[in-house]
Amino acid sequence: MNTTEKVQTCLDFIDQRLENQAEQTIRIAELIIEDIKNLTAGYHQAMRNGNLKEHSELVRQTQLNWVNQLHDIILEQSNRDLSGQVIQALQKFVSNLNQTQMQHLHFELPSPVAREYDAQYQYLSQEEIELLMGQQRLFPDNNDSMH
């Protein structure tokens, strides 16, 4: 791998990790919603059965668990934002580096491509080439006339 490919590989790796973290965050949010639904439904059942104390302990434990999870999500989001900024900075750097390197490299378009896209190149048609070749035969150079 050349340097540009290595940098691009690193950027792709970071991007993939960020995408995976986003999916994990969504799954955690879905689990929180599910727990809230279950606790809400469990409250009415606890009231009927006289188990409010046990239910409130379950609510407290669940809340502590999710507070910790949400704190982690917030930290991950901050890291994600930071990583996103790093990715953008690296991509801009690589792009600028490539542009700088390319400015100093000479690359000529092959004639069929240049003919198609660049009007500054004037190419002779086959007829014009044959006409010029015919003119050379009409006016031989001095070396040919001396023989």
N, C-alpha and C. Protein backbone atom coordinates (compact mmCIF):
# COMPACT_ATOMS: atom_id res chain seq x y z
N MET A 1 0.85 -1.19 0.00
CA MET A 1 0.00 0.00 0.00
C MET A 1 0.88 1.24 0.00
N ASN A 2 0.49 2.23 -0.81
CA ASN A 2 1.23 3.48 -0.74
C ASN A 2 0.67 4.32 0.41
N THR A 3 1.29 5.46 0.66
CA THR A 3 0.91 6.28 1.83
C THR A 3 -0.54 6.74 1.75
N THR A 4 -0.96 7.17 0.58
CA THR A 4 -2.35 7.64 0.43
C THR A 4 -3.33 6.52 0.74
N GLU A 5 -3.04 5.32 0.25
CA GLU A 5 -3.92 4.18 0.51
C GLU A 5 -3.94 3.83 1.99
N LYS A 6 -2.81 3.94 2.66
CA LYS A 6 -2.75 3.67 4.11
C LYS A 6 -3.60 4.68 4.88
N VAL A 7 -3.47 5.96 4.53
CA VAL A 7 -4.26 7.00 5.21
C VAL A 7 -5.74 6.76 4.95
N GLN A 8 -6.10 6.44 3.70
CA GLN A 8 -7.51 6.19 3.37
C GLN A 8 -8.04 4.98 4.13
N THR A 9 -7.20 3.95 4.29
CA THR A 9 -7.59 2.76 5.05
C THR A 9 -7.88 3.12 6.49
N CYS A 10 -7.02 3.97 7.07
CA CYS A 10 -7.25 4.41 8.46
C CYS A 10 -8.56 5.20 8.57
N LEU A 11 -8.81 6.09 7.61
CA LEU A 11 -10.05 6.87 7.63
C LEU A 11 -11.27 5.95 7.52
N ASP A 12 -11.19 4.96 6.64
CA ASP A 12 -12.30 4.02 6.49
C ASP A 12 -12.53 3.24 7.78
N PHE A 13 -11.44 2.85 8.45
CA PHE A 13 -11.53 2.11 9.71
C PHE A 13 -12.25 2.95 10.77
N ILE A 14 -11.84 4.22 10.91
CA ILE A 14 -12.47 5.11 11.90
C ILE A 14 -13.94 5.31 11.55
N ASP A 15 -14.23 5.51 10.28
CA ASP A 15 -15.61 5.72 9.84
C ASP A 15 -16.47 4.52 10.16
N GLN A 16 -15.95 3.32 9.94
CA GLN A 16 -16.69 2.09 10.24
C GLN A 16 -16.95 1.98 11.75
N ARG A 17 -15.96 2.30 12.56
CA ARG A 17 -16.14 2.25 14.02
C ARG A 17 -17.22 3.23 14.46
N LEU A 18 -17.22 4.42 13.89
CA LEU A 18 -18.23 5.42 14.25
C LEU A 18 -19.62 4.92 13.87
N GLU A 19 -19.73 4.28 12.73
CA GLU A 19 -21.02 3.75 12.30
C GLU A 19 -21.51 2.66 13.25
N ASN A 20 -20.59 1.78 13.66
CA ASN A 20 -20.95 0.71 14.61
C ASN A 20 -21.39 1.29 15.95
N GLN A 21 -20.69 2.33 16.41
CA GLN A 21 -21.06 2.96 17.68
C GLN A 21 -22.45 3.58 17.58
N ALA A 22 -22.77 4.17 16.45
CA ALA A 22 -24.09 4.76 16.26
C ALA A 22 -25.18 3.68 16.35
N GLU A 23 -24.92 2.53 15.75
CA GLU A 23 -25.89 1.42 15.81
C GLU A 23 -26.06 0.94 17.25
N GLN A 24 -24.97 0.85 18.01
CA GLN A 24 -25.05 0.43 19.41
C GLN A 24 -25.87 1.43 20.22
N THR A 25 -25.69 2.71 19.95
CA THR A 25 -26.44 3.75 20.67
C THR A 25 -27.94 3.59 20.41
N ILE A 26 -28.30 3.32 19.18
CA ILE A 26 -29.72 3.13 18.84
C ILE A 26 -30.28 1.91 19.56
N ARG A 27 -29.51 0.83 19.61
CA ARG A 27 -29.98 -0.39 20.32
C ARG A 27 -30.19 -0.10 21.80
N ILE A 28 -29.27 0.64 22.41
CA ILE A 28 -29.40 0.97 23.84
C ILE A 28 -30.66 1.81 24.06
N ALA A 29 -30.91 2.78 23.19
CA ALA A 29 -32.11 3.61 23.32
C ALA A 29 -33.37 2.75 23.22
N GLU A 30 -33.37 1.78 22.30
CA GLU A 30 -34.53 0.89 22.17
C GLU A 30 -34.73 0.06 23.43
N LEU A 31 -33.64 -0.40 24.06
CA LEU A 31 -33.74 -1.16 25.31
C LEU A 31 -34.30 -0.29 26.44
N ILE A 32 -33.87 0.96 26.49
CA ILE A 32 -34.39 1.88 27.52
C ILE A 32 -35.90 2.05 27.34
N ILE A 33 -36.34 2.25 26.12
CA ILE A 33 -37.78 2.42 25.85
C ILE A 33 -38.54 1.17 26.29
N GLU A 34 -37.99 0.00 25.96
CA GLU A 34 -38.63 -1.26 26.34
C GLU A 34 -38.75 -1.38 27.86
N ASP A 35 -37.67 -1.03 28.58
CA ASP A 35 -37.69 -1.09 30.05
C ASP A 35 -38.74 -0.13 30.62
N ILE A 36 -38.82 1.06 30.07
CA ILE A 36 -39.80 2.05 30.55
C ILE A 36 -41.22 1.52 30.36
N LYS A 37 -41.47 0.92 29.20
CA LYS A 37 -42.80 0.34 28.94
C LYS A 37 -43.11 -0.76 29.96
N ASN A 38 -42.11 -1.64 30.19
CA ASN A 38 -42.32 -2.74 31.14
C ASN A 38 -42.54 -2.23 32.56
N LEU A 39 -41.78 -1.22 32.98
CA LEU A 39 -41.93 -0.67 34.33
C LEU A 39 -43.28 0.02 34.49
N THR A 40 -43.72 0.69 33.43
CA THR A 40 -45.02 1.36 33.48
C THR A 40 -46.14 0.33 33.62
N ALA A 41 -46.06 -0.70 32.82
CA ALA A 41 -47.07 -1.77 32.90
C ALA A 41 -46.97 -2.50 34.24
N GLY A 42 -45.76 -2.68 34.75
CA GLY A 42 -45.54 -3.37 36.02
C GLY A 42 -46.06 -2.59 37.20
N TYR A 43 -46.13 -1.28 37.09
CA TYR A 43 -46.64 -0.45 38.19
C TYR A 43 -48.08 -0.81 38.51
N HIS A 44 -48.91 -0.90 37.49
CA HIS A 44 -50.33 -1.22 37.71
C HIS A 44 -50.48 -2.63 38.31
N GLN A 45 -49.66 -3.55 37.85
CA GLN A 45 -49.68 -4.92 38.40
C GLN A 45 -49.24 -4.90 39.87
N ALA A 46 -48.20 -4.11 40.19
CA ALA A 46 -47.69 -4.03 41.57
C ALA A 46 -48.74 -3.43 42.49
N MET A 47 -49.49 -2.45 42.00
CA MET A 47 -50.54 -1.83 42.83
C MET A 47 -51.62 -2.87 43.15
N ARG A 48 -52.00 -3.64 42.16
CA ARG A 48 -53.04 -4.66 42.37
C ARG A 48 -52.58 -5.74 43.34
N ASN A 49 -51.26 -6.10 43.24
CA ASN A 49 -50.74 -7.19 44.07
C ASN A 49 -50.16 -6.71 45.39
N GLY A 50 -50.10 -5.40 45.59
CA GLY A 50 -49.53 -4.85 46.82
C GLY A 50 -48.02 -4.97 46.88
N ASN A 51 -47.35 -4.97 45.73
CA ASN A 51 -45.88 -5.08 45.67
C ASN A 51 -45.21 -3.78 45.26
N LEU A 52 -45.75 -2.66 45.71
CA LEU A 52 -45.20 -1.37 45.28
C LEU A 52 -43.76 -1.19 45.75
N LYS A 53 -43.42 -1.69 46.94
CA LYS A 53 -42.05 -1.54 47.45
C LYS A 53 -41.06 -2.25 46.53
N GLU A 54 -41.38 -3.49 46.15
CA GLU A 54 -40.49 -4.24 45.26
C GLU A 54 -40.41 -3.57 43.89
N HIS A 55 -41.54 -3.08 43.41
CA HIS A 55 -41.56 -2.42 42.11
C HIS A 55 -40.73 -1.14 42.13
N SER A 56 -40.85 -0.37 43.20
CA SER A 56 -40.08 0.88 43.27
C SER A 56 -38.58 0.58 43.34
N GLU A 57 -38.20 -0.52 43.98
CA GLU A 57 -36.77 -0.92 44.01
C GLU A 57 -36.31 -1.30 42.60
N LEU A 58 -37.15 -2.01 41.88
CA LEU A 58 -36.83 -2.38 40.50
C LEU A 58 -36.68 -1.12 39.63
N VAL A 59 -37.60 -0.16 39.83
CA VAL A 59 -37.51 1.11 39.09
C VAL A 59 -36.20 1.82 39.41
N ARG A 60 -35.84 1.88 40.71
CA ARG A 60 -34.60 2.56 41.13
C ARG A 60 -33.38 1.90 40.49
N GLN A 61 -33.30 0.57 40.53
CA GLN A 61 -32.16 -0.14 39.95
C GLN A 61 -32.08 0.08 38.43
N THR A 62 -33.23 0.05 37.79
CA THR A 62 -33.27 0.25 36.34
C THR A 62 -32.84 1.67 35.99
N GLN A 63 -33.31 2.64 36.79
CA GLN A 63 -32.92 4.03 36.54
C GLN A 63 -31.41 4.21 36.69
N LEU A 64 -30.82 3.64 37.73
CA LEU A 64 -29.37 3.75 37.93
C LEU A 64 -28.61 3.12 36.76
N ASN A 65 -29.09 1.95 36.35
CA ASN A 65 -28.45 1.28 35.21
C ASN A 65 -28.47 2.16 33.96
N TRP A 66 -29.65 2.74 33.67
CA TRP A 66 -29.77 3.54 32.45
C TRP A 66 -29.09 4.89 32.57
N VAL A 67 -29.02 5.45 33.77
CA VAL A 67 -28.28 6.71 33.94
C VAL A 67 -26.82 6.47 33.58
N ASN A 68 -26.27 5.36 34.04
CA ASN A 68 -24.88 5.03 33.70
C ASN A 68 -24.73 4.80 32.19
N GLN A 69 -25.68 4.08 31.60
CA GLN A 69 -25.63 3.83 30.16
C GLN A 69 -25.72 5.14 29.36
N LEU A 70 -26.62 6.02 29.79
CA LEU A 70 -26.79 7.30 29.10
C LEU A 70 -25.54 8.17 29.24
N HIS A 71 -24.92 8.11 30.40
CA HIS A 71 -23.66 8.85 30.60
C HIS A 71 -22.61 8.35 29.60
N ASP A 72 -22.52 7.02 29.43
CA ASP A 72 -21.59 6.45 28.46
C ASP A 72 -21.92 6.89 27.03
N ILE A 73 -23.22 6.92 26.72
CA ILE A 73 -23.64 7.36 25.39
C ILE A 73 -23.21 8.80 25.14
N ILE A 74 -23.36 9.65 26.14
CA ILE A 74 -22.97 11.06 26.00
C ILE A 74 -21.47 11.16 25.74
N LEU A 75 -20.68 10.38 26.48
CA LEU A 75 -19.24 10.38 26.27
C LEU A 75 -18.90 9.87 24.87
N GLU A 76 -19.57 8.80 24.44
CA GLU A 76 -19.35 8.25 23.10
C GLU A 76 -19.68 9.29 22.04
N GLN A 77 -20.78 10.02 22.26
CA GLN A 77 -21.18 11.03 21.28
C GLN A 77 -20.12 12.12 21.18
N SER A 78 -19.57 12.53 22.32
CA SER A 78 -18.51 13.53 22.30
C SER A 78 -17.30 12.99 21.54
N ASN A 79 -16.95 11.73 21.79
CA ASN A 79 -15.84 11.11 21.07
C ASN A 79 -16.15 10.99 19.59
N ARG A 80 -17.41 10.69 19.26
CA ARG A 80 -17.81 10.57 17.86
C ARG A 80 -17.67 11.91 17.16
N ASP A 81 -18.14 12.97 17.83
CA ASP A 81 -18.02 14.30 17.24
C ASP A 81 -16.55 14.64 17.02
N LEU A 82 -15.72 14.33 18.01
CA LEU A 82 -14.30 14.59 17.90
C LEU A 82 -13.68 13.76 16.78
N SER A 83 -14.04 12.49 16.70
CA SER A 83 -13.52 11.63 15.64
C SER A 83 -13.97 12.12 14.27
N GLY A 84 -15.21 12.58 14.19
CA GLY A 84 -15.71 13.13 12.93
C GLY A 84 -14.89 14.33 12.48
N GLN A 85 -14.53 15.18 13.43
CA GLN A 85 -13.70 16.35 13.11
C GLN A 85 -12.31 15.90 12.67
N VAL A 86 -11.77 14.88 13.33
CA VAL A 86 -10.45 14.35 12.95
C VAL A 86 -10.51 13.79 11.53
N ILE A 87 -11.56 13.03 11.24
CA ILE A 87 -11.72 12.46 9.89
C ILE A 87 -11.77 13.58 8.85
N GLN A 88 -12.56 14.60 9.11
CA GLN A 88 -12.66 15.70 8.15
C GLN A 88 -11.31 16.39 7.95
N ALA A 89 -10.58 16.60 9.05
CA ALA A 89 -9.27 17.23 8.95
C ALA A 89 -8.30 16.37 8.14
N LEU A 90 -8.31 15.05 8.40
CA LEU A 90 -7.43 14.14 7.66
C LEU A 90 -7.81 14.08 6.19
N GLN A 91 -9.10 14.04 5.90
CA GLN A 91 -9.53 13.99 4.50
C GLN A 91 -9.11 15.27 3.77
N LYS A 92 -9.25 16.41 4.43
CA LYS A 92 -8.83 17.67 3.82
C LYS A 92 -7.32 17.67 3.60
N PHE A 93 -6.57 17.15 4.58
CA PHE A 93 -5.13 17.07 4.47
C PHE A 93 -4.73 16.21 3.27
N VAL A 94 -5.33 15.02 3.17
CA VAL A 94 -5.00 14.10 2.08
C VAL A 94 -5.35 14.74 0.74
N SER A 95 -6.51 15.38 0.68
CA SER A 95 -6.93 16.02 -0.56
C SER A 95 -5.95 17.13 -0.96
N ASN A 96 -5.56 17.97 0.02
CA ASN A 96 -4.59 19.04 -0.26
C ASN A 96 -3.24 18.48 -0.66
N LEU A 97 -2.84 17.41 0.00
CA LEU A 97 -1.57 16.77 -0.31
C LEU A 97 -1.58 16.25 -1.74
N ASN A 98 -2.66 15.59 -2.11
CA ASN A 98 -2.77 15.07 -3.48
C ASN A 98 -2.76 16.20 -4.50
N GLN A 99 -3.47 17.29 -4.20
CA GLN A 99 -3.50 18.42 -5.13
C GLN A 99 -2.12 19.03 -5.28
N THR A 100 -1.40 19.17 -4.16
CA THR A 100 -0.06 19.75 -4.20
C THR A 100 0.88 18.87 -5.00
N GLN A 101 0.82 17.58 -4.78
CA GLN A 101 1.68 16.66 -5.52
C GLN A 101 1.33 16.67 -7.00
N MET A 102 0.06 16.70 -7.32
CA MET A 102 -0.37 16.65 -8.71
C MET A 102 0.04 17.91 -9.48
N GLN A 103 0.14 19.05 -8.80
CA GLN A 103 0.52 20.27 -9.48
C GLN A 103 1.93 20.17 -10.07
N HIS A 104 2.76 19.37 -9.47
CA HIS A 104 4.15 19.28 -9.89
C HIS A 104 4.40 18.11 -10.83
N LEU A 105 3.37 17.36 -11.13
CA LEU A 105 3.52 16.23 -12.04
C LEU A 105 2.98 16.60 -13.41
N HIS A 106 3.73 16.24 -14.44
CA HIS A 106 3.28 16.52 -15.81
C HIS A 106 2.57 15.29 -16.37
N PHE A 107 1.43 15.52 -16.92
CA PHE A 107 0.67 14.42 -17.51
C PHE A 107 0.02 14.94 -18.78
N GLU A 108 0.40 14.35 -19.90
CA GLU A 108 -0.21 14.75 -21.16
C GLU A 108 -1.32 13.79 -21.51
N LEU A 109 -2.38 14.36 -22.01
CA LEU A 109 -3.48 13.52 -22.45
C LEU A 109 -3.07 12.78 -23.72
N PRO A 110 -3.43 11.52 -23.84
CA PRO A 110 -3.19 10.83 -25.11
C PRO A 110 -3.96 11.55 -26.22
N SER A 111 -3.43 11.53 -27.42
CA SER A 111 -4.02 12.32 -28.50
C SER A 111 -5.50 12.04 -28.76
N PRO A 112 -5.97 10.78 -28.70
CA PRO A 112 -7.41 10.57 -28.94
C PRO A 112 -8.26 11.27 -27.88
N VAL A 113 -7.77 11.30 -26.65
CA VAL A 113 -8.52 11.97 -25.57
C VAL A 113 -8.44 13.47 -25.76
N ALA A 114 -7.25 13.96 -26.06
CA ALA A 114 -7.07 15.41 -26.24
C ALA A 114 -7.92 15.90 -27.41
N ARG A 115 -7.97 15.12 -28.48
CA ARG A 115 -8.79 15.50 -29.64
C ARG A 115 -10.25 15.66 -29.24
N GLU A 116 -10.68 14.77 -28.38
CA GLU A 116 -12.08 14.76 -27.98
C GLU A 116 -12.43 15.92 -27.06
N TYR A 117 -11.49 16.31 -26.17
CA TYR A 117 -11.83 17.25 -25.10
C TYR A 117 -11.12 18.59 -25.15
N ASP A 118 -10.12 18.75 -25.98
CA ASP A 118 -9.36 19.98 -25.91
C ASP A 118 -9.20 20.60 -27.28
N ALA A 119 -9.85 21.73 -27.49
CA ALA A 119 -9.83 22.38 -28.80
C ALA A 119 -8.48 23.04 -29.09
N GLN A 120 -7.63 23.20 -28.09
CA GLN A 120 -6.35 23.87 -28.33
C GLN A 120 -5.40 23.01 -29.18
N TYR A 121 -5.63 21.71 -29.18
CA TYR A 121 -4.80 20.83 -29.99
C TYR A 121 -5.43 20.73 -31.38
N GLN A 122 -4.66 21.06 -32.38
CA GLN A 122 -5.14 20.95 -33.75
C GLN A 122 -4.42 19.78 -34.41
N TYR A 123 -5.16 18.78 -34.77
CA TYR A 123 -4.57 17.59 -35.39
C TYR A 123 -4.94 17.57 -36.87
N LEU A 124 -4.01 17.07 -37.64
CA LEU A 124 -4.24 16.97 -39.07
C LEU A 124 -5.13 15.77 -39.37
N SER A 125 -5.98 15.97 -40.34
CA SER A 125 -6.79 14.84 -40.80
C SER A 125 -5.91 13.95 -41.67
N GLN A 126 -6.40 12.77 -42.00
CA GLN A 126 -5.65 11.85 -42.85
C GLN A 126 -5.39 12.48 -44.22
N GLU A 127 -6.36 13.21 -44.74
CA GLU A 127 -6.20 13.87 -46.05
C GLU A 127 -5.08 14.90 -45.99
N GLU A 128 -5.06 15.69 -44.91
CA GLU A 128 -4.01 16.70 -44.77
C GLU A 128 -2.63 16.07 -44.66
N ILE A 129 -2.53 14.96 -43.96
CA ILE A 129 -1.25 14.26 -43.83
C ILE A 129 -0.79 13.78 -45.21
N GLU A 130 -1.69 13.17 -45.98
CA GLU A 130 -1.34 12.68 -47.31
C GLU A 130 -0.93 13.83 -48.23
N LEU A 131 -1.61 14.96 -48.11
CA LEU A 131 -1.28 16.12 -48.92
C LEU A 131 0.13 16.61 -48.60
N LEU A 132 0.46 16.71 -47.31
CA LEU A 132 1.80 17.13 -46.92
C LEU A 132 2.86 16.14 -47.39
N MET A 133 2.58 14.86 -47.26
CA MET A 133 3.53 13.85 -47.71
C MET A 133 3.74 13.96 -49.22
N GLY A 134 2.68 14.25 -49.94
CA GLY A 134 2.78 14.42 -51.40
C GLY A 134 3.62 15.63 -51.75
N GLN A 135 3.49 16.72 -50.97
CA GLN A 135 4.28 17.93 -51.23
C GLN A 135 5.76 17.66 -51.04
N GLN A 136 6.11 16.83 -50.08
CA GLN A 136 7.52 16.53 -49.85
C GLN A 136 8.11 15.82 -51.06
N ARG A 137 7.34 14.99 -51.73
CA ARG A 137 7.82 14.29 -52.91
C ARG A 137 8.00 15.25 -54.09
N LEU A 138 7.18 16.31 -54.12
CA LEU A 138 7.30 17.31 -55.20
C LEU A 138 8.54 18.16 -55.05
N PHE A 139 8.93 18.42 -53.79
CA PHE A 139 10.08 19.27 -53.53
C PHE A 139 11.14 18.48 -52.78
N PRO A 140 11.90 17.66 -53.46
CA PRO A 140 12.93 16.89 -52.77
C PRO A 140 13.99 17.81 -52.19
N ASP A 141 14.61 17.39 -51.11
CA ASP A 141 15.63 18.23 -50.52
C ASP A 141 16.89 18.19 -51.40
N ASN A 142 17.85 19.04 -51.12
CA ASN A 142 19.04 19.22 -51.95
C ASN A 142 19.85 17.96 -52.08
N ASN A 143 19.89 17.13 -51.07
CA ASN A 143 20.70 15.91 -51.10
C ASN A 143 20.18 14.96 -52.17
N ASP A 144 18.84 14.87 -52.33
CA ASP A 144 18.27 13.96 -53.30
C ASP A 144 18.54 14.43 -54.73
N SER A 145 18.57 15.76 -54.96
CA SER A 145 18.72 16.30 -56.33
C SER A 145 20.17 16.15 -56.79
N MET A 146 21.12 16.04 -55.90
CA MET A 146 22.52 15.94 -56.30
C MET A 146 22.87 14.55 -56.79
N HIS A 147 22.12 13.54 -56.51
CA HIS A 147 22.44 12.18 -56.90
C HIS A 147 22.02 11.91 -58.29
